[in-house]
Amino acid sequence: MDEIYPAVGNELTMEVWQQQWQTFEQEGLDTLEKRRQQALALDIECQAEQILGSPGKIICQRAKQDNSDIIVVGHRGRWGLSEILLGSVGNYVFHHAHCCVFVVPTPD
């Protein structure tokens, strides 16, 4: 007969994980709000939303859902093998979007 032992510390681990996730989530929302305020200060109409998932897929799905004419996405300069191994949101969006995609290199 197998012996079953209680997993000591799982509640603490889950609690710590939840706290870290909430912190991560709030930091993301704070960053989005900061960027939204910067855009509004330049008279750029915008909205900010934090969505969990694969960024490239979500951007393409959202652009199609909103019937967007163009997607502007940044590129951090990964090319060649680095891009193949690590992926690129801009590359994914460029190849899968239903509309035009403008890929802008980010400053160093």
N, C-alpha and C. Protein backbone atom coordinates (compact mmCIF):
# COMPACT_ATOMS: atom_id res chain seq x y z
N MET A 1 0.83 -1.18 0.00
CA MET A 1 0.00 0.00 0.00
C MET A 1 0.88 1.25 0.00
N ASP A 2 0.52 2.22 -0.84
CA ASP A 2 1.27 3.48 -0.93
C ASP A 2 0.96 4.35 0.27
N GLU A 3 1.98 5.06 0.71
CA GLU A 3 1.79 6.00 1.81
C GLU A 3 1.59 7.39 1.22
N ILE A 4 0.69 8.12 1.80
CA ILE A 4 0.40 9.48 1.35
C ILE A 4 0.76 10.44 2.47
N TYR A 5 1.57 11.42 2.13
CA TYR A 5 1.99 12.41 3.11
C TYR A 5 1.42 13.77 2.73
N PRO A 6 0.99 14.52 3.71
CA PRO A 6 0.48 15.87 3.38
C PRO A 6 1.61 16.74 2.84
N ALA A 7 1.30 17.57 1.89
CA ALA A 7 2.28 18.48 1.31
C ALA A 7 2.35 19.72 2.19
N VAL A 8 3.36 19.78 3.02
CA VAL A 8 3.54 20.89 3.94
C VAL A 8 4.00 22.12 3.18
N GLY A 9 3.36 23.23 3.41
CA GLY A 9 3.78 24.48 2.81
C GLY A 9 3.09 24.84 1.51
N ASN A 10 2.20 24.01 1.00
CA ASN A 10 1.54 24.34 -0.26
C ASN A 10 0.70 25.60 -0.16
N GLU A 11 0.01 25.78 0.97
CA GLU A 11 -0.79 26.99 1.11
C GLU A 11 0.10 28.23 1.07
N LEU A 12 1.23 28.15 1.77
CA LEU A 12 2.14 29.28 1.79
C LEU A 12 2.68 29.54 0.39
N THR A 13 3.05 28.49 -0.31
CA THR A 13 3.58 28.64 -1.66
C THR A 13 2.52 29.25 -2.57
N MET A 14 1.30 28.77 -2.49
CA MET A 14 0.21 29.31 -3.31
C MET A 14 -0.06 30.75 -2.93
N GLU A 15 -0.04 31.06 -1.66
CA GLU A 15 -0.29 32.43 -1.22
C GLU A 15 0.80 33.37 -1.74
N VAL A 16 2.05 32.94 -1.65
CA VAL A 16 3.15 33.76 -2.15
C VAL A 16 3.02 33.94 -3.66
N TRP A 17 2.68 32.86 -4.37
CA TRP A 17 2.50 32.94 -5.82
C TRP A 17 1.39 33.92 -6.17
N GLN A 18 0.28 33.86 -5.47
CA GLN A 18 -0.85 34.76 -5.74
C GLN A 18 -0.45 36.22 -5.49
N GLN A 19 0.30 36.45 -4.41
CA GLN A 19 0.75 37.81 -4.11
C GLN A 19 1.68 38.32 -5.21
N GLN A 20 2.60 37.45 -5.65
CA GLN A 20 3.51 37.85 -6.71
C GLN A 20 2.77 38.12 -8.01
N TRP A 21 1.77 37.30 -8.31
CA TRP A 21 0.99 37.50 -9.53
C TRP A 21 0.22 38.82 -9.46
N GLN A 22 -0.37 39.11 -8.30
CA GLN A 22 -1.11 40.36 -8.14
C GLN A 22 -0.19 41.57 -8.30
N THR A 23 1.03 41.45 -7.76
CA THR A 23 2.01 42.53 -7.91
C THR A 23 2.38 42.71 -9.38
N PHE A 24 2.64 41.61 -10.06
CA PHE A 24 2.98 41.63 -11.48
C PHE A 24 1.84 42.25 -12.30
N GLU A 25 0.63 41.83 -12.00
CA GLU A 25 -0.55 42.34 -12.70
C GLU A 25 -0.72 43.84 -12.47
N GLN A 26 -0.55 44.29 -11.23
CA GLN A 26 -0.70 45.71 -10.92
C GLN A 26 0.39 46.54 -11.58
N GLU A 27 1.62 46.02 -11.61
CA GLU A 27 2.71 46.75 -12.27
C GLU A 27 2.40 46.92 -13.76
N GLY A 28 1.84 45.89 -14.37
CA GLY A 28 1.46 45.97 -15.78
C GLY A 28 0.39 47.02 -16.00
N LEU A 29 -0.62 47.03 -15.14
CA LEU A 29 -1.70 48.02 -15.25
C LEU A 29 -1.18 49.44 -15.03
N ASP A 30 -0.26 49.59 -14.08
CA ASP A 30 0.33 50.91 -13.81
C ASP A 30 1.11 51.42 -15.02
N THR A 31 1.87 50.52 -15.65
CA THR A 31 2.64 50.89 -16.84
C THR A 31 1.71 51.28 -17.98
N LEU A 32 0.65 50.50 -18.17
CA LEU A 32 -0.32 50.83 -19.23
C LEU A 32 -0.96 52.18 -19.00
N GLU A 33 -1.33 52.46 -17.77
CA GLU A 33 -1.97 53.74 -17.46
C GLU A 33 -1.00 54.90 -17.68
N LYS A 34 0.25 54.71 -17.31
CA LYS A 34 1.26 55.75 -17.53
C LYS A 34 1.40 56.04 -19.02
N ARG A 35 1.49 54.99 -19.83
CA ARG A 35 1.62 55.16 -21.29
C ARG A 35 0.35 55.77 -21.89
N ARG A 36 -0.79 55.39 -21.37
CA ARG A 36 -2.06 55.95 -21.85
C ARG A 36 -2.11 57.45 -21.58
N GLN A 37 -1.69 57.85 -20.39
CA GLN A 37 -1.68 59.27 -20.03
C GLN A 37 -0.71 60.05 -20.92
N GLN A 38 0.43 59.43 -21.25
CA GLN A 38 1.38 60.09 -22.15
C GLN A 38 0.76 60.31 -23.53
N ALA A 39 0.04 59.32 -24.03
CA ALA A 39 -0.62 59.44 -25.33
C ALA A 39 -1.71 60.50 -25.28
N LEU A 40 -2.50 60.50 -24.23
CA LEU A 40 -3.57 61.50 -24.10
C LEU A 40 -3.01 62.92 -24.04
N ALA A 41 -1.86 63.08 -23.40
CA ALA A 41 -1.23 64.39 -23.32
C ALA A 41 -0.81 64.88 -24.71
N LEU A 42 -0.62 63.96 -25.65
CA LEU A 42 -0.27 64.32 -27.03
C LEU A 42 -1.50 64.33 -27.93
N ASP A 43 -2.69 64.34 -27.32
CA ASP A 43 -3.97 64.33 -28.04
C ASP A 43 -4.14 63.09 -28.91
N ILE A 44 -3.62 61.97 -28.43
CA ILE A 44 -3.79 60.69 -29.13
C ILE A 44 -4.87 59.91 -28.41
N GLU A 45 -5.96 59.66 -29.11
CA GLU A 45 -7.05 58.89 -28.52
C GLU A 45 -6.59 57.44 -28.35
N CYS A 46 -6.75 56.90 -27.17
CA CYS A 46 -6.30 55.53 -26.95
C CYS A 46 -7.03 54.91 -25.77
N GLN A 47 -6.90 53.61 -25.69
CA GLN A 47 -7.39 52.88 -24.53
C GLN A 47 -6.32 51.85 -24.18
N ALA A 48 -6.30 51.43 -22.94
CA ALA A 48 -5.30 50.47 -22.48
C ALA A 48 -6.02 49.28 -21.87
N GLU A 49 -5.49 48.10 -22.16
CA GLU A 49 -6.10 46.88 -21.66
C GLU A 49 -5.01 45.84 -21.49
N GLN A 50 -5.03 45.14 -20.40
CA GLN A 50 -4.06 44.08 -20.14
C GLN A 50 -4.76 42.74 -20.35
N ILE A 51 -4.23 41.95 -21.29
CA ILE A 51 -4.84 40.66 -21.63
C ILE A 51 -3.79 39.57 -21.48
N LEU A 52 -4.15 38.49 -20.84
CA LEU A 52 -3.24 37.37 -20.64
C LEU A 52 -3.25 36.47 -21.87
N GLY A 53 -2.08 36.11 -22.36
CA GLY A 53 -1.99 35.20 -23.50
C GLY A 53 -0.78 35.48 -24.35
N SER A 54 -0.73 34.84 -25.50
CA SER A 54 0.36 35.02 -26.46
C SER A 54 0.20 36.38 -27.13
N PRO A 55 1.15 37.30 -26.95
CA PRO A 55 0.99 38.66 -27.45
C PRO A 55 0.68 38.75 -28.94
N GLY A 56 1.42 38.05 -29.77
CA GLY A 56 1.19 38.12 -31.21
C GLY A 56 -0.20 37.68 -31.60
N LYS A 57 -0.63 36.55 -31.06
CA LYS A 57 -1.97 36.04 -31.37
C LYS A 57 -3.06 37.00 -30.89
N ILE A 58 -2.88 37.52 -29.69
CA ILE A 58 -3.90 38.42 -29.14
C ILE A 58 -3.97 39.73 -29.93
N ILE A 59 -2.82 40.26 -30.33
CA ILE A 59 -2.82 41.48 -31.13
C ILE A 59 -3.56 41.25 -32.44
N CYS A 60 -3.27 40.14 -33.11
CA CYS A 60 -3.94 39.83 -34.38
C CYS A 60 -5.45 39.62 -34.19
N GLN A 61 -5.82 38.89 -33.15
CA GLN A 61 -7.24 38.65 -32.89
C GLN A 61 -7.96 39.95 -32.59
N ARG A 62 -7.35 40.79 -31.76
CA ARG A 62 -7.99 42.05 -31.37
C ARG A 62 -8.11 43.00 -32.56
N ALA A 63 -7.08 43.04 -33.40
CA ALA A 63 -7.13 43.92 -34.57
C ALA A 63 -8.24 43.48 -35.52
N LYS A 64 -8.40 42.18 -35.67
CA LYS A 64 -9.46 41.67 -36.54
C LYS A 64 -10.83 41.96 -35.93
N GLN A 65 -10.96 41.73 -34.63
CA GLN A 65 -12.22 41.98 -33.92
C GLN A 65 -12.62 43.46 -34.02
N ASP A 66 -11.63 44.35 -33.93
CA ASP A 66 -11.91 45.79 -33.97
C ASP A 66 -11.91 46.34 -35.40
N ASN A 67 -11.70 45.46 -36.38
CA ASN A 67 -11.65 45.85 -37.79
C ASN A 67 -10.61 46.95 -38.02
N SER A 68 -9.43 46.75 -37.44
CA SER A 68 -8.36 47.74 -37.54
C SER A 68 -7.81 47.82 -38.96
N ASP A 69 -7.37 49.00 -39.35
CA ASP A 69 -6.77 49.21 -40.67
C ASP A 69 -5.27 48.97 -40.65
N ILE A 70 -4.65 49.22 -39.49
CA ILE A 70 -3.20 49.08 -39.38
C ILE A 70 -2.84 48.71 -37.95
N ILE A 71 -1.75 47.97 -37.81
CA ILE A 71 -1.18 47.65 -36.51
C ILE A 71 0.22 48.22 -36.49
N VAL A 72 0.57 48.96 -35.45
CA VAL A 72 1.92 49.46 -35.28
C VAL A 72 2.52 48.68 -34.12
N VAL A 73 3.64 48.02 -34.38
CA VAL A 73 4.26 47.18 -33.36
C VAL A 73 5.76 47.44 -33.34
N GLY A 74 6.33 47.42 -32.15
CA GLY A 74 7.76 47.65 -32.02
C GLY A 74 8.55 46.37 -32.24
N HIS A 75 9.83 46.54 -32.54
CA HIS A 75 10.74 45.40 -32.72
C HIS A 75 12.02 45.73 -31.97
N ARG A 76 12.45 44.83 -31.09
CA ARG A 76 13.62 45.09 -30.25
C ARG A 76 14.94 44.73 -30.91
N GLY A 77 14.91 44.35 -32.16
CA GLY A 77 16.17 44.11 -32.86
C GLY A 77 16.65 42.67 -32.86
N ARG A 78 15.80 41.74 -32.52
CA ARG A 78 16.20 40.33 -32.62
C ARG A 78 16.09 39.90 -34.07
N TRP A 79 17.16 39.39 -34.60
CA TRP A 79 17.17 38.94 -35.98
C TRP A 79 17.86 37.58 -36.06
N GLY A 80 17.66 36.89 -37.11
CA GLY A 80 18.36 35.63 -37.36
C GLY A 80 18.01 34.56 -36.36
N LEU A 81 19.03 33.87 -35.87
CA LEU A 81 18.85 32.73 -34.97
C LEU A 81 18.17 33.15 -33.67
N SER A 82 18.51 34.31 -33.15
CA SER A 82 17.91 34.79 -31.90
C SER A 82 16.39 34.92 -32.05
N GLU A 83 15.95 35.44 -33.20
CA GLU A 83 14.52 35.60 -33.42
C GLU A 83 13.84 34.24 -33.57
N ILE A 84 14.51 33.32 -34.24
CA ILE A 84 13.94 31.98 -34.43
C ILE A 84 13.79 31.27 -33.08
N LEU A 85 14.81 31.36 -32.26
CA LEU A 85 14.79 30.66 -30.97
C LEU A 85 13.90 31.34 -29.94
N LEU A 86 13.93 32.67 -29.90
CA LEU A 86 13.19 33.40 -28.88
C LEU A 86 11.85 33.93 -29.38
N GLY A 87 11.68 33.99 -30.69
CA GLY A 87 10.44 34.50 -31.24
C GLY A 87 10.41 36.00 -31.32
N SER A 88 9.43 36.51 -32.01
CA SER A 88 9.28 37.95 -32.16
C SER A 88 7.81 38.25 -32.34
N VAL A 89 7.28 39.08 -31.46
CA VAL A 89 5.88 39.48 -31.57
C VAL A 89 5.66 40.20 -32.90
N GLY A 90 6.55 41.13 -33.22
CA GLY A 90 6.42 41.87 -34.47
C GLY A 90 6.41 40.95 -35.68
N ASN A 91 7.29 39.95 -35.68
CA ASN A 91 7.36 39.00 -36.79
C ASN A 91 6.07 38.20 -36.88
N TYR A 92 5.56 37.74 -35.76
CA TYR A 92 4.31 36.97 -35.77
C TYR A 92 3.17 37.82 -36.32
N VAL A 93 3.05 39.03 -35.79
CA VAL A 93 1.96 39.92 -36.22
C VAL A 93 2.09 40.22 -37.72
N PHE A 94 3.32 40.50 -38.16
CA PHE A 94 3.56 40.82 -39.57
C PHE A 94 3.06 39.70 -40.48
N HIS A 95 3.25 38.46 -40.08
CA HIS A 95 2.89 37.31 -40.92
C HIS A 95 1.46 36.80 -40.72
N HIS A 96 0.77 37.22 -39.66
CA HIS A 96 -0.54 36.66 -39.37
C HIS A 96 -1.69 37.68 -39.33
N ALA A 97 -1.39 38.95 -39.35
CA ALA A 97 -2.44 39.97 -39.23
C ALA A 97 -3.27 40.05 -40.51
N HIS A 98 -4.51 40.43 -40.36
CA HIS A 98 -5.42 40.58 -41.51
C HIS A 98 -5.27 41.94 -42.18
N CYS A 99 -4.52 42.83 -41.56
CA CYS A 99 -4.38 44.19 -42.07
C CYS A 99 -2.90 44.55 -42.20
N CYS A 100 -2.64 45.78 -42.60
CA CYS A 100 -1.26 46.25 -42.74
C CYS A 100 -0.59 46.31 -41.36
N VAL A 101 0.72 46.03 -41.36
CA VAL A 101 1.50 46.07 -40.12
C VAL A 101 2.71 46.97 -40.34
N PHE A 102 2.90 47.91 -39.44
CA PHE A 102 4.04 48.81 -39.47
C PHE A 102 4.94 48.43 -38.30
N VAL A 103 6.12 47.87 -38.60
CA VAL A 103 7.05 47.43 -37.56
C VAL A 103 8.08 48.54 -37.35
N VAL A 104 8.13 49.05 -36.12
CA VAL A 104 9.00 50.16 -35.78
C VAL A 104 10.12 49.66 -34.88
N PRO A 105 11.38 49.87 -35.29
CA PRO A 105 12.47 49.47 -34.39
C PRO A 105 12.49 50.35 -33.15
N THR A 106 12.70 49.74 -32.00
CA THR A 106 12.77 50.51 -30.77
C THR A 106 14.17 51.09 -30.62
N PRO A 107 14.28 52.28 -30.03
CA PRO A 107 15.61 52.89 -29.86
C PRO A 107 16.46 52.06 -28.89
N ASP A 108 17.76 52.10 -29.12
CA ASP A 108 18.69 51.35 -28.24
C ASP A 108 18.80 51.96 -26.88
